[in-house]
Amino acid sequence: MNVKIDTKEKFTVITPQELALSANMTGELNDLLLPYLQKDIPHIVLNLNTIKQVDEETGNYLADIQQQFYENNCSFVICNLQDAVEKLLDEKELLELMNVTPTESEAWDIVQMEEIERELLGDDE
């Protein structure tokens, strides 16, 4: 799978360069995304602006991987969903499980807000 990776100060933007994400790509996504949990900058913005189609299994995978990131106090935000992808995720009741923003800029804001929240909550412990 071809992806564009753009590392920022607080997070990494990953943009698949494909038209569809299917179940047979979840292994590749796993190999790409999970190592970020061990990096100094573990937060991910997954920009799906080129993705015109996903299947239900891939939708479930995205919801699961996001949960893994949050369980490890790391941000995982999906942005730029195409209408057909958003519709499928909504119909399968997966959209409500995901942290999704309309634009990459808004995804950046979410990551930064979550980072501040983690810092504040960490001070209370």
N, C-alpha and C. Protein backbone atom coordinates (compact mmCIF):
# COMPACT_ATOMS: atom_id res chain seq x y z
N MET A 1 0.84 -1.17 0.00
CA MET A 1 0.00 0.00 0.00
C MET A 1 0.89 1.24 0.00
N ASN A 2 0.57 2.16 -0.87
CA ASN A 2 1.31 3.41 -0.94
C ASN A 2 0.70 4.42 0.03
N VAL A 3 1.57 5.07 0.82
CA VAL A 3 1.11 6.09 1.74
C VAL A 3 2.07 7.27 1.70
N LYS A 4 1.54 8.43 2.04
CA LYS A 4 2.35 9.62 2.22
C LYS A 4 2.42 9.85 3.73
N ILE A 5 3.63 10.04 4.25
CA ILE A 5 3.81 10.26 5.68
C ILE A 5 4.43 11.64 5.88
N ASP A 6 3.77 12.44 6.70
CA ASP A 6 4.22 13.80 6.98
C ASP A 6 4.34 13.95 8.49
N THR A 7 5.57 14.01 9.00
CA THR A 7 5.81 14.09 10.43
C THR A 7 5.82 15.55 10.87
N LYS A 8 4.96 15.84 11.82
CA LYS A 8 4.88 17.18 12.40
C LYS A 8 5.52 17.14 13.78
N GLU A 9 5.49 18.28 14.49
CA GLU A 9 6.10 18.36 15.81
C GLU A 9 5.41 17.44 16.82
N LYS A 10 4.06 17.38 16.79
CA LYS A 10 3.31 16.65 17.81
C LYS A 10 2.61 15.40 17.30
N PHE A 11 2.60 15.17 15.99
CA PHE A 11 1.87 14.04 15.42
C PHE A 11 2.38 13.75 14.02
N THR A 12 1.90 12.65 13.47
CA THR A 12 2.24 12.25 12.11
C THR A 12 0.96 12.14 11.30
N VAL A 13 0.96 12.73 10.10
CA VAL A 13 -0.17 12.61 9.19
C VAL A 13 0.15 11.49 8.20
N ILE A 14 -0.74 10.51 8.14
CA ILE A 14 -0.58 9.40 7.20
C ILE A 14 -1.73 9.47 6.21
N THR A 15 -1.40 9.54 4.94
CA THR A 15 -2.39 9.65 3.87
C THR A 15 -2.21 8.49 2.90
N PRO A 16 -3.10 7.50 2.94
CA PRO A 16 -3.01 6.41 1.95
C PRO A 16 -3.18 6.97 0.53
N GLN A 17 -2.39 6.47 -0.38
CA GLN A 17 -2.46 6.89 -1.77
C GLN A 17 -3.17 5.82 -2.59
N GLU A 18 -4.34 5.46 -2.13
CA GLU A 18 -5.15 4.41 -2.75
C GLU A 18 -6.56 4.96 -2.95
N LEU A 19 -7.37 4.26 -3.73
CA LEU A 19 -8.77 4.66 -3.91
C LEU A 19 -9.70 3.91 -2.96
N ALA A 20 -9.23 2.77 -2.44
CA ALA A 20 -10.08 1.96 -1.55
C ALA A 20 -9.20 1.32 -0.48
N LEU A 21 -9.82 1.11 0.68
CA LEU A 21 -9.19 0.32 1.74
C LEU A 21 -10.05 -0.91 1.92
N SER A 22 -9.44 -2.07 1.77
CA SER A 22 -10.20 -3.31 1.90
C SER A 22 -9.61 -4.16 3.01
N ALA A 23 -10.35 -5.20 3.37
CA ALA A 23 -9.96 -6.06 4.48
C ALA A 23 -8.55 -6.65 4.28
N ASN A 24 -8.17 -6.92 3.04
CA ASN A 24 -6.84 -7.51 2.83
C ASN A 24 -5.72 -6.50 3.05
N MET A 25 -6.06 -5.23 3.29
CA MET A 25 -5.04 -4.21 3.57
C MET A 25 -4.86 -3.96 5.06
N THR A 26 -5.71 -4.56 5.89
CA THR A 26 -5.63 -4.26 7.33
C THR A 26 -4.31 -4.73 7.94
N GLY A 27 -3.74 -5.80 7.43
CA GLY A 27 -2.43 -6.25 7.91
C GLY A 27 -1.36 -5.21 7.64
N GLU A 28 -1.39 -4.64 6.43
CA GLU A 28 -0.44 -3.59 6.09
C GLU A 28 -0.66 -2.36 6.96
N LEU A 29 -1.94 -2.01 7.19
CA LEU A 29 -2.24 -0.87 8.06
C LEU A 29 -1.73 -1.12 9.47
N ASN A 30 -1.92 -2.33 9.96
CA ASN A 30 -1.43 -2.70 11.28
C ASN A 30 0.08 -2.49 11.37
N ASP A 31 0.80 -3.02 10.37
CA ASP A 31 2.26 -2.91 10.35
C ASP A 31 2.70 -1.45 10.24
N LEU A 32 1.90 -0.62 9.62
CA LEU A 32 2.22 0.79 9.46
C LEU A 32 1.90 1.58 10.73
N LEU A 33 0.73 1.35 11.32
CA LEU A 33 0.24 2.20 12.41
C LEU A 33 0.72 1.80 13.80
N LEU A 34 0.69 0.51 14.13
CA LEU A 34 1.00 0.09 15.49
C LEU A 34 2.40 0.47 15.97
N PRO A 35 3.43 0.46 15.13
CA PRO A 35 4.75 0.87 15.61
C PRO A 35 4.79 2.31 16.14
N TYR A 36 3.86 3.14 15.72
CA TYR A 36 3.84 4.52 16.22
C TYR A 36 3.58 4.57 17.72
N LEU A 37 2.92 3.56 18.27
CA LEU A 37 2.67 3.53 19.71
C LEU A 37 3.97 3.49 20.51
N GLN A 38 5.06 3.07 19.89
CA GLN A 38 6.36 2.98 20.57
C GLN A 38 7.26 4.17 20.26
N LYS A 39 6.79 5.09 19.43
CA LYS A 39 7.64 6.22 19.02
C LYS A 39 7.48 7.40 19.97
N ASP A 40 8.44 8.31 19.89
CA ASP A 40 8.39 9.53 20.71
C ASP A 40 7.18 10.38 20.37
N ILE A 41 6.78 10.38 19.12
CA ILE A 41 5.59 11.12 18.68
C ILE A 41 4.59 10.08 18.17
N PRO A 42 3.74 9.56 19.08
CA PRO A 42 2.88 8.43 18.71
C PRO A 42 1.53 8.82 18.09
N HIS A 43 1.22 10.10 18.05
CA HIS A 43 -0.12 10.53 17.64
C HIS A 43 -0.26 10.52 16.11
N ILE A 44 -1.43 10.03 15.65
CA ILE A 44 -1.66 9.85 14.22
C ILE A 44 -2.89 10.63 13.77
N VAL A 45 -2.75 11.30 12.63
CA VAL A 45 -3.88 11.82 11.88
C VAL A 45 -3.93 11.00 10.60
N LEU A 46 -5.01 10.27 10.41
CA LEU A 46 -5.18 9.44 9.22
C LEU A 46 -6.06 10.20 8.24
N ASN A 47 -5.44 10.70 7.19
CA ASN A 47 -6.14 11.50 6.19
C ASN A 47 -6.64 10.58 5.07
N LEU A 48 -7.94 10.41 4.99
CA LEU A 48 -8.52 9.50 4.01
C LEU A 48 -9.12 10.23 2.80
N ASN A 49 -8.53 11.36 2.43
CA ASN A 49 -9.10 12.16 1.34
C ASN A 49 -9.10 11.45 -0.01
N THR A 50 -8.24 10.47 -0.21
CA THR A 50 -8.21 9.77 -1.50
C THR A 50 -9.07 8.51 -1.50
N ILE A 51 -9.50 8.08 -0.32
CA ILE A 51 -10.22 6.81 -0.18
C ILE A 51 -11.69 7.00 -0.52
N LYS A 52 -12.12 6.33 -1.56
CA LYS A 52 -13.52 6.45 -2.01
C LYS A 52 -14.38 5.28 -1.55
N GLN A 53 -13.73 4.22 -1.03
CA GLN A 53 -14.49 3.03 -0.65
C GLN A 53 -13.76 2.27 0.45
N VAL A 54 -14.53 1.84 1.46
CA VAL A 54 -14.04 0.90 2.47
C VAL A 54 -15.11 -0.16 2.65
N ASP A 55 -14.69 -1.32 3.13
CA ASP A 55 -15.67 -2.35 3.45
C ASP A 55 -15.91 -2.34 4.96
N GLU A 56 -16.90 -3.08 5.40
CA GLU A 56 -17.27 -3.08 6.81
C GLU A 56 -16.13 -3.57 7.69
N GLU A 57 -15.42 -4.60 7.25
CA GLU A 57 -14.31 -5.14 8.04
C GLU A 57 -13.22 -4.08 8.26
N THR A 58 -12.93 -3.31 7.23
CA THR A 58 -11.94 -2.25 7.37
C THR A 58 -12.44 -1.16 8.31
N GLY A 59 -13.73 -0.85 8.23
CA GLY A 59 -14.32 0.11 9.16
C GLY A 59 -14.17 -0.36 10.60
N ASN A 60 -14.45 -1.63 10.84
CA ASN A 60 -14.27 -2.20 12.18
C ASN A 60 -12.81 -2.13 12.62
N TYR A 61 -11.92 -2.40 11.69
CA TYR A 61 -10.49 -2.33 11.99
C TYR A 61 -10.10 -0.91 12.41
N LEU A 62 -10.56 0.10 11.67
CA LEU A 62 -10.21 1.49 12.00
C LEU A 62 -10.73 1.87 13.39
N ALA A 63 -11.94 1.42 13.73
CA ALA A 63 -12.48 1.69 15.06
C ALA A 63 -11.63 1.00 16.12
N ASP A 64 -11.22 -0.23 15.86
CA ASP A 64 -10.40 -0.99 16.81
C ASP A 64 -9.02 -0.37 16.99
N ILE A 65 -8.39 0.04 15.90
CA ILE A 65 -7.03 0.59 16.00
C ILE A 65 -7.08 1.93 16.74
N GLN A 66 -8.14 2.70 16.51
CA GLN A 66 -8.26 3.95 17.24
C GLN A 66 -8.36 3.68 18.74
N GLN A 67 -9.13 2.66 19.10
CA GLN A 67 -9.28 2.30 20.51
C GLN A 67 -7.93 1.90 21.11
N GLN A 68 -7.13 1.16 20.35
CA GLN A 68 -5.80 0.77 20.84
C GLN A 68 -4.93 1.99 21.13
N PHE A 69 -5.01 2.99 20.24
CA PHE A 69 -4.24 4.21 20.45
C PHE A 69 -4.70 4.92 21.73
N TYR A 70 -6.02 5.04 21.90
CA TYR A 70 -6.53 5.74 23.08
C TYR A 70 -6.23 4.98 24.37
N GLU A 71 -6.23 3.67 24.32
CA GLU A 71 -5.86 2.88 25.50
C GLU A 71 -4.40 3.10 25.90
N ASN A 72 -3.58 3.53 24.94
CA ASN A 72 -2.18 3.82 25.19
C ASN A 72 -1.91 5.32 25.33
N ASN A 73 -2.96 6.09 25.62
CA ASN A 73 -2.86 7.55 25.78
C ASN A 73 -2.26 8.24 24.56
N CYS A 74 -2.65 7.77 23.39
CA CYS A 74 -2.19 8.35 22.13
C CYS A 74 -3.40 8.76 21.30
N SER A 75 -3.25 9.82 20.55
CA SER A 75 -4.35 10.30 19.70
C SER A 75 -4.35 9.58 18.36
N PHE A 76 -5.56 9.38 17.84
CA PHE A 76 -5.75 8.80 16.51
C PHE A 76 -7.00 9.45 15.94
N VAL A 77 -6.81 10.34 14.99
CA VAL A 77 -7.93 11.10 14.43
C VAL A 77 -7.99 10.83 12.93
N ILE A 78 -9.18 10.59 12.43
CA ILE A 78 -9.40 10.36 11.00
C ILE A 78 -10.02 11.62 10.41
N CYS A 79 -9.54 12.02 9.25
CA CYS A 79 -10.10 13.23 8.63
C CYS A 79 -10.34 13.04 7.13
N ASN A 80 -11.09 13.98 6.59
CA ASN A 80 -11.36 14.06 5.15
C ASN A 80 -12.05 12.82 4.58
N LEU A 81 -13.06 12.32 5.30
CA LEU A 81 -13.81 11.18 4.78
C LEU A 81 -14.62 11.58 3.55
N GLN A 82 -14.57 10.75 2.53
CA GLN A 82 -15.42 10.94 1.36
C GLN A 82 -16.85 10.53 1.75
N ASP A 83 -17.83 11.07 1.05
CA ASP A 83 -19.24 10.84 1.40
C ASP A 83 -19.61 9.35 1.47
N ALA A 84 -19.16 8.56 0.50
CA ALA A 84 -19.51 7.13 0.48
C ALA A 84 -18.92 6.40 1.67
N VAL A 85 -17.70 6.77 2.06
CA VAL A 85 -17.03 6.14 3.21
C VAL A 85 -17.75 6.54 4.49
N GLU A 86 -18.05 7.81 4.62
CA GLU A 86 -18.76 8.29 5.81
C GLU A 86 -20.13 7.63 5.94
N LYS A 87 -20.82 7.47 4.82
CA LYS A 87 -22.15 6.84 4.83
C LYS A 87 -22.06 5.39 5.31
N LEU A 88 -21.10 4.63 4.79
CA LEU A 88 -20.95 3.24 5.21
C LEU A 88 -20.63 3.15 6.70
N LEU A 89 -19.71 3.97 7.17
CA LEU A 89 -19.33 3.93 8.58
C LEU A 89 -20.51 4.32 9.47
N ASP A 90 -21.30 5.26 9.01
CA ASP A 90 -22.48 5.69 9.77
C ASP A 90 -23.52 4.58 9.80
N GLU A 91 -23.79 3.95 8.65
CA GLU A 91 -24.77 2.88 8.57
C GLU A 91 -24.38 1.69 9.46
N LYS A 92 -23.09 1.43 9.58
CA LYS A 92 -22.61 0.30 10.39
C LYS A 92 -22.40 0.71 11.85
N GLU A 93 -22.81 1.93 12.18
CA GLU A 93 -22.69 2.49 13.53
C GLU A 93 -21.25 2.50 14.02
N LEU A 94 -20.32 2.71 13.10
CA LEU A 94 -18.90 2.79 13.45
C LEU A 94 -18.44 4.23 13.59
N LEU A 95 -19.11 5.13 12.88
CA LEU A 95 -18.70 6.53 12.89
C LEU A 95 -18.72 7.11 14.30
N GLU A 96 -19.71 6.72 15.08
CA GLU A 96 -19.82 7.25 16.45
C GLU A 96 -18.72 6.72 17.37
N LEU A 97 -18.02 5.66 16.97
CA LEU A 97 -16.92 5.12 17.75
C LEU A 97 -15.59 5.76 17.42
N MET A 98 -15.57 6.55 16.34
CA MET A 98 -14.32 7.10 15.82
C MET A 98 -14.23 8.59 16.10
N ASN A 99 -13.00 9.07 16.15
CA ASN A 99 -12.74 10.49 16.26
C ASN A 99 -12.49 11.00 14.84
N VAL A 100 -13.52 11.61 14.25
CA VAL A 100 -13.48 12.00 12.84
C VAL A 100 -13.68 13.51 12.73
N THR A 101 -12.88 14.15 11.88
CA THR A 101 -13.05 15.58 11.61
C THR A 101 -13.18 15.79 10.10
N PRO A 102 -13.83 16.89 9.71
CA PRO A 102 -13.99 17.16 8.28
C PRO A 102 -12.69 17.53 7.57
N THR A 103 -11.75 18.17 8.30
CA THR A 103 -10.52 18.64 7.66
C THR A 103 -9.29 18.20 8.45
N GLU A 104 -8.16 18.22 7.77
CA GLU A 104 -6.90 17.88 8.43
C GLU A 104 -6.56 18.92 9.50
N SER A 105 -6.83 20.16 9.23
CA SER A 105 -6.57 21.22 10.21
C SER A 105 -7.32 20.99 11.52
N GLU A 106 -8.58 20.58 11.41
CA GLU A 106 -9.36 20.29 12.61
C GLU A 106 -8.81 19.05 13.32
N ALA A 107 -8.31 18.10 12.58
CA ALA A 107 -7.70 16.91 13.19
C ALA A 107 -6.46 17.32 14.00
N TRP A 108 -5.67 18.24 13.45
CA TRP A 108 -4.50 18.75 14.17
C TRP A 108 -4.94 19.37 15.49
N ASP A 109 -6.02 20.16 15.44
CA ASP A 109 -6.53 20.80 16.65
C ASP A 109 -6.93 19.77 17.71
N ILE A 110 -7.59 18.70 17.27
CA ILE A 110 -8.01 17.65 18.20
C ILE A 110 -6.79 17.01 18.87
N VAL A 111 -5.78 16.68 18.08
CA VAL A 111 -4.58 16.06 18.63
C VAL A 111 -3.95 16.98 19.67
N GLN A 112 -3.86 18.26 19.36
CA GLN A 112 -3.24 19.20 20.29
C GLN A 112 -4.08 19.38 21.55
N MET A 113 -5.40 19.40 21.41
CA MET A 113 -6.27 19.50 22.59
C MET A 113 -6.15 18.26 23.46
N GLU A 114 -6.10 17.09 22.82
CA GLU A 114 -5.96 15.85 23.59
C GLU A 114 -4.62 15.80 24.31
N GLU A 115 -3.58 16.33 23.69
CA GLU A 115 -2.26 16.37 24.31
C GLU A 115 -2.30 17.25 25.57
N ILE A 116 -2.94 18.40 25.48
CA ILE A 116 -3.09 19.29 26.64
C ILE A 116 -3.90 18.60 27.72
N GLU A 117 -4.98 17.93 27.31
CA GLU A 117 -5.83 17.21 28.27
C GLU A 117 -5.02 16.13 29.00
N ARG A 118 -4.20 15.38 28.27
CA ARG A 118 -3.39 14.33 28.90
C ARG A 118 -2.40 14.94 29.90
N GLU A 119 -1.81 16.08 29.52
CA GLU A 119 -0.87 16.75 30.42
C GLU A 119 -1.56 17.20 31.69
N LEU A 120 -2.76 17.79 31.54
CA LEU A 120 -3.50 18.26 32.71
C LEU A 120 -3.95 17.10 33.61
N LEU A 121 -4.46 16.04 33.00
CA LEU A 121 -4.88 14.88 33.78
C LEU A 121 -3.70 14.18 34.42
N GLY A 122 -2.57 14.20 33.75
CA GLY A 122 -1.36 13.59 34.30
C GLY A 122 -0.88 14.33 35.54
N ASP A 123 -1.08 15.66 35.58
CA ASP A 123 -0.69 16.45 36.73
C ASP A 123 -1.55 16.16 37.94
N ASP A 124 -2.78 15.69 37.73
CA ASP A 124 -3.70 15.43 38.83
C ASP A 124 -3.42 14.10 39.53
N GLU A 125 -2.67 13.23 38.88
CA GLU A 125 -2.46 11.89 39.45
C GLU A 125 -1.43 11.90 40.54
